[in-house]
Every structure is written in C-alpha cells, then in structure tokens.
C-alpha cells in the first residue's frame, strides 16, 4: 500500500509541474505577442520619423527655391538662358 501512495504523490507533483508549465507558457505567449506589437509600433514610429525628416528637407529646399525665384537677378538669368530673351538693344546669340 505504501508504493501506491508514493506513486500517487509523485503523479500529483508531476501534474503540478505540468500546470505550472502551461501557465508559464501561456504567460510567455501573451508577453511575446505584446512585445511583437510593441516592436511593430516602434518600427512604424521610426519610419514616420524618417518620412518627417525627408519632408522637412524637401520643405526647406522648396522654400530656398521660392526665395531664389523672387530674386530679380535669378529671374533675369532664367529668362536669358532658358527662354532666350534679351534686353532691348541687345543682339541675341544663338549657339
């Protein structure tokens, strides 16, 4: 009778270990899922920051271009070279 009691006690302890292992596994799966979601959100933030930086650089470039286009010397240079315009009394040079 003593052997049966020892086997039963051993099985109970084994069932306890299995229950703990199941609970820990479920907990780790839950934590793993949340960690993956956090990783995905972090990547989205990094991508958004890169896009923001690119847009800031493009905005600065366009503002500089706008400032340049308001300069009379730049306007005259574009008219002469791109459109072939000349001032009154000048002879146009065609290459």
N, C-alpha and C. Protein backbone atom coordinates (compact mmCIF):
# COMPACT_ATOMS: atom_id res chain seq x y z
N UNK A 1 0.80 -1.18 0.00
CA UNK A 1 0.00 0.00 0.00
C UNK A 1 0.86 1.27 0.00
N UNK A 2 1.98 1.18 0.57
CA UNK A 2 2.86 2.32 0.63
C UNK A 2 3.33 2.74 -0.76
N UNK A 3 3.56 1.77 -1.67
CA UNK A 3 4.02 2.07 -3.01
C UNK A 3 2.96 2.85 -3.79
N UNK A 4 1.68 2.46 -3.65
CA UNK A 4 0.61 3.19 -4.34
C UNK A 4 0.57 4.64 -3.89
N UNK A 5 0.69 4.84 -2.63
CA UNK A 5 0.63 6.19 -2.10
C UNK A 5 1.81 7.03 -2.64
N UNK A 6 2.99 6.45 -2.72
CA UNK A 6 4.14 7.17 -3.23
C UNK A 6 3.98 7.50 -4.72
N UNK A 7 3.45 6.54 -5.51
CA UNK A 7 3.22 6.80 -6.93
C UNK A 7 2.20 7.93 -7.11
N UNK A 8 1.13 7.89 -6.32
CA UNK A 8 0.09 8.91 -6.42
C UNK A 8 0.68 10.28 -6.09
N UNK A 9 1.48 10.33 -5.05
CA UNK A 9 2.09 11.60 -4.67
C UNK A 9 3.03 12.10 -5.77
N UNK A 10 3.75 11.20 -6.39
CA UNK A 10 4.66 11.57 -7.46
C UNK A 10 3.89 12.10 -8.67
N UNK A 11 2.78 11.44 -9.00
CA UNK A 11 1.95 11.91 -10.12
C UNK A 11 1.35 13.28 -9.82
N UNK A 12 0.92 13.50 -8.61
CA UNK A 12 0.33 14.78 -8.23
C UNK A 12 1.38 15.89 -8.39
N UNK A 13 2.58 15.62 -7.95
CA UNK A 13 3.65 16.59 -8.10
C UNK A 13 3.95 16.83 -9.57
N UNK A 14 3.90 15.81 -10.39
CA UNK A 14 4.13 15.93 -11.81
C UNK A 14 3.01 16.74 -12.47
N UNK A 15 1.78 16.52 -12.05
CA UNK A 15 0.66 17.30 -12.58
C UNK A 15 0.80 18.77 -12.20
N UNK A 16 1.31 19.02 -11.02
CA UNK A 16 1.54 20.39 -10.58
C UNK A 16 2.58 21.06 -11.47
N UNK A 17 3.65 20.34 -11.80
CA UNK A 17 4.67 20.88 -12.69
C UNK A 17 4.09 21.16 -14.07
N UNK A 18 3.26 20.26 -14.56
CA UNK A 18 2.65 20.45 -15.87
C UNK A 18 1.75 21.68 -15.85
N UNK A 19 0.98 21.85 -14.79
CA UNK A 19 0.09 23.01 -14.69
C UNK A 19 0.90 24.31 -14.66
N UNK A 20 1.99 24.31 -13.90
CA UNK A 20 2.85 25.49 -13.84
C UNK A 20 3.46 25.77 -15.22
N UNK A 21 3.90 24.73 -15.89
CA UNK A 21 4.49 24.89 -17.22
C UNK A 21 3.48 25.46 -18.20
N UNK A 22 2.24 24.99 -18.14
CA UNK A 22 1.18 25.51 -19.03
C UNK A 22 0.92 26.97 -18.74
N UNK A 23 0.81 27.32 -17.48
CA UNK A 23 0.55 28.72 -17.11
C UNK A 23 1.71 29.61 -17.57
N UNK A 24 2.93 29.16 -17.34
CA UNK A 24 4.09 29.94 -17.77
C UNK A 24 4.14 30.07 -19.29
N UNK A 25 3.82 29.01 -20.00
CA UNK A 25 3.82 29.05 -21.46
C UNK A 25 2.78 30.05 -21.97
N UNK A 26 1.59 30.01 -21.40
CA UNK A 26 0.55 30.97 -21.80
C UNK A 26 0.98 32.40 -21.49
N UNK A 27 1.58 32.58 -20.34
CA UNK A 27 2.06 33.91 -19.95
C UNK A 27 3.13 34.40 -20.93
N UNK A 28 4.07 33.52 -21.28
CA UNK A 28 5.13 33.91 -22.22
C UNK A 28 4.56 34.20 -23.61
N UNK A 29 3.55 33.44 -24.03
CA UNK A 29 2.91 33.71 -25.32
C UNK A 29 2.24 35.07 -25.32
N UNK A 30 1.57 35.39 -24.23
CA UNK A 30 0.91 36.68 -24.12
C UNK A 30 1.93 37.81 -24.13
N UNK A 31 2.99 37.66 -23.36
CA UNK A 31 4.05 38.67 -23.32
C UNK A 31 4.73 38.78 -24.69
N UNK A 32 4.97 37.64 -25.33
CA UNK A 32 5.60 37.64 -26.65
C UNK A 32 4.74 38.37 -27.67
N UNK A 33 3.45 38.17 -27.62
CA UNK A 33 2.54 38.84 -28.55
C UNK A 33 2.57 40.35 -28.33
N UNK A 34 2.54 40.77 -27.08
CA UNK A 34 2.59 42.21 -26.78
C UNK A 34 3.94 42.80 -27.17
N UNK A 35 5.01 42.04 -26.97
CA UNK A 35 6.34 42.52 -27.36
C UNK A 35 6.41 42.69 -28.87
N UNK A 36 5.82 41.79 -29.62
CA UNK A 36 5.82 41.91 -31.08
C UNK A 36 5.01 43.14 -31.51
N UNK A 37 3.87 43.36 -30.87
CA UNK A 37 3.07 44.55 -31.20
C UNK A 37 3.86 45.82 -30.90
N UNK A 38 4.60 45.83 -29.79
CA UNK A 38 5.43 46.97 -29.45
C UNK A 38 6.52 47.18 -30.50
N UNK A 39 7.12 46.09 -30.97
CA UNK A 39 8.15 46.17 -32.00
C UNK A 39 7.58 46.76 -33.29
N UNK A 40 6.40 46.31 -33.68
CA UNK A 40 5.76 46.82 -34.90
C UNK A 40 5.47 48.31 -34.76
N UNK A 41 4.96 48.73 -33.60
CA UNK A 41 4.70 50.15 -33.38
C UNK A 41 5.99 50.96 -33.39
N UNK A 42 7.04 50.42 -32.81
CA UNK A 42 8.33 51.12 -32.82
C UNK A 42 8.83 51.30 -34.24
N UNK A 43 8.71 50.27 -35.07
CA UNK A 43 9.13 50.38 -36.47
C UNK A 43 8.30 51.43 -37.20
N UNK A 44 7.00 51.49 -36.91
CA UNK A 44 6.14 52.49 -37.54
C UNK A 44 6.58 53.90 -37.14
N UNK A 45 6.96 54.07 -35.88
CA UNK A 45 7.42 55.38 -35.41
C UNK A 45 8.73 55.76 -36.11
N UNK A 46 9.64 54.81 -36.21
CA UNK A 46 10.93 55.08 -36.88
C UNK A 46 10.69 55.47 -38.34
N UNK A 47 9.81 54.74 -39.03
CA UNK A 47 9.51 55.07 -40.43
C UNK A 47 8.86 56.44 -40.55
N UNK A 48 7.95 56.76 -39.63
CA UNK A 48 7.29 58.06 -39.66
C UNK A 48 8.29 59.19 -39.43
N UNK A 49 9.25 58.97 -38.53
CA UNK A 49 10.27 59.99 -38.28
C UNK A 49 11.17 60.19 -39.50
N UNK A 50 11.48 59.10 -40.20
CA UNK A 50 12.29 59.23 -41.42
C UNK A 50 11.53 60.01 -42.49
N UNK A 51 10.25 59.70 -42.66
CA UNK A 51 9.43 60.42 -43.64
C UNK A 51 9.32 61.89 -43.25
N UNK A 52 9.15 62.16 -41.95
CA UNK A 52 9.06 63.54 -41.46
C UNK A 52 10.35 64.29 -41.79
N UNK A 53 11.51 63.66 -41.55
CA UNK A 53 12.78 64.31 -41.84
C UNK A 53 12.93 64.59 -43.33
N UNK A 54 12.53 63.65 -44.18
CA UNK A 54 12.59 63.87 -45.62
C UNK A 54 11.70 65.03 -46.04
N UNK A 55 10.51 65.10 -45.46
CA UNK A 55 9.58 66.18 -45.80
C UNK A 55 10.10 67.53 -45.32
N UNK A 56 10.75 67.56 -44.16
CA UNK A 56 11.34 68.81 -43.67
C UNK A 56 12.44 69.28 -44.62
N UNK A 57 13.29 68.34 -45.07
CA UNK A 57 14.35 68.70 -46.01
C UNK A 57 13.76 69.19 -47.33
N UNK A 58 12.71 68.54 -47.81
CA UNK A 58 12.08 68.96 -49.07
C UNK A 58 11.44 70.35 -48.90
N UNK A 59 10.82 70.59 -47.75
CA UNK A 59 10.21 71.89 -47.48
C UNK A 59 11.27 72.98 -47.48
N UNK A 60 12.40 72.72 -46.82
CA UNK A 60 13.49 73.71 -46.78
C UNK A 60 14.03 73.98 -48.18
N UNK A 61 14.17 72.93 -48.99
CA UNK A 61 14.65 73.09 -50.35
C UNK A 61 13.67 73.94 -51.16
N UNK A 62 12.38 73.67 -51.03
CA UNK A 62 11.37 74.43 -51.77
C UNK A 62 11.30 75.88 -51.32
N UNK A 63 11.48 76.11 -50.01
CA UNK A 63 11.48 77.49 -49.51
C UNK A 63 12.69 78.25 -50.07
N UNK A 64 13.84 77.58 -50.15
CA UNK A 64 15.03 78.22 -50.71
C UNK A 64 14.81 78.51 -52.19
N UNK A 65 14.18 77.58 -52.90
CA UNK A 65 13.90 77.78 -54.32
C UNK A 65 12.93 78.95 -54.50
N UNK A 66 11.94 79.04 -53.63
CA UNK A 66 10.97 80.15 -53.69
C UNK A 66 11.68 81.48 -53.47
N UNK A 67 12.58 81.52 -52.49
CA UNK A 67 13.34 82.74 -52.21
C UNK A 67 14.20 83.11 -53.41
N UNK A 68 14.84 82.10 -54.01
CA UNK A 68 15.69 82.36 -55.18
C UNK A 68 14.86 82.89 -56.34
N UNK A 69 13.66 82.36 -56.53
CA UNK A 69 12.83 82.79 -57.66
C UNK A 69 12.26 84.20 -57.47
N UNK A 70 12.30 84.72 -56.26
CA UNK A 70 11.87 86.10 -56.02
C UNK A 70 13.00 87.09 -56.23
N UNK A 71 14.22 86.60 -56.46
CA UNK A 71 15.38 87.47 -56.69
C UNK A 71 15.38 87.90 -58.15
N UNK A 72 15.41 89.21 -58.41
CA UNK A 72 15.38 89.70 -59.81
C UNK A 72 16.54 89.18 -60.66
N UNK A 73 17.71 89.00 -60.08
CA UNK A 73 18.85 88.50 -60.86
C UNK A 73 18.61 87.06 -61.32
N UNK A 74 18.01 86.26 -60.46
CA UNK A 74 17.71 84.87 -60.83
C UNK A 74 16.65 84.84 -61.92
N UNK A 75 15.66 85.72 -61.81
CA UNK A 75 14.60 85.78 -62.83
C UNK A 75 15.20 86.18 -64.18
N UNK A 76 16.08 87.18 -64.15
CA UNK A 76 16.71 87.62 -65.41
C UNK A 76 17.57 86.50 -66.00
N UNK A 77 18.33 85.82 -65.17
CA UNK A 77 19.19 84.74 -65.64
C UNK A 77 18.35 83.62 -66.27
N UNK A 78 17.25 83.26 -65.64
CA UNK A 78 16.37 82.21 -66.21
C UNK A 78 15.77 82.68 -67.54
N UNK A 79 15.35 83.95 -67.59
CA UNK A 79 14.76 84.47 -68.83
C UNK A 79 15.78 84.46 -69.96
N UNK A 80 17.00 84.80 -69.66
CA UNK A 80 18.04 84.85 -70.70
C UNK A 80 18.44 83.45 -71.17
N UNK A 81 18.68 82.53 -70.22
CA UNK A 81 19.22 81.23 -70.60
C UNK A 81 18.16 80.21 -70.99
N UNK A 82 17.06 80.19 -70.27
CA UNK A 82 16.05 79.17 -70.55
C UNK A 82 15.07 79.60 -71.65
N UNK A 83 14.76 80.90 -71.69
CA UNK A 83 13.77 81.38 -72.66
C UNK A 83 14.40 82.13 -73.83
N UNK A 84 15.68 82.46 -73.75
CA UNK A 84 16.36 83.14 -74.84
C UNK A 84 15.95 84.60 -74.99
N UNK A 85 15.47 85.22 -73.95
CA UNK A 85 15.06 86.62 -74.01
C UNK A 85 16.28 87.54 -73.90
N UNK A 86 16.15 88.73 -74.50
CA UNK A 86 17.23 89.71 -74.45
C UNK A 86 16.64 91.07 -74.07
N UNK A 87 17.51 91.95 -73.59
CA UNK A 87 17.07 93.31 -73.26
C UNK A 87 16.96 94.10 -74.55
N UNK A 88 16.19 95.17 -74.54
CA UNK A 88 16.11 95.99 -75.75
C UNK A 88 17.48 96.53 -76.15
N UNK A 89 17.78 96.41 -77.42
CA UNK A 89 19.06 96.88 -77.96
C UNK A 89 20.13 95.81 -77.98
N UNK A 90 19.93 94.67 -77.34
CA UNK A 90 20.92 93.60 -77.36
C UNK A 90 20.68 92.69 -78.56
N UNK A 91 21.75 92.08 -79.05
CA UNK A 91 21.64 91.15 -80.15
C UNK A 91 21.63 89.76 -79.56
N UNK A 92 20.61 88.95 -79.87
CA UNK A 92 20.58 87.57 -79.33
C UNK A 92 21.67 86.71 -79.92
N UNK A 93 22.25 85.87 -79.09
CA UNK A 93 23.29 84.95 -79.55
C UNK A 93 22.70 83.55 -79.54
N UNK A 94 22.72 82.93 -80.72
CA UNK A 94 22.17 81.57 -80.85
C UNK A 94 23.32 80.63 -81.09
N UNK A 95 23.42 79.58 -80.27
CA UNK A 95 24.55 78.66 -80.43
C UNK A 95 24.17 77.47 -81.25
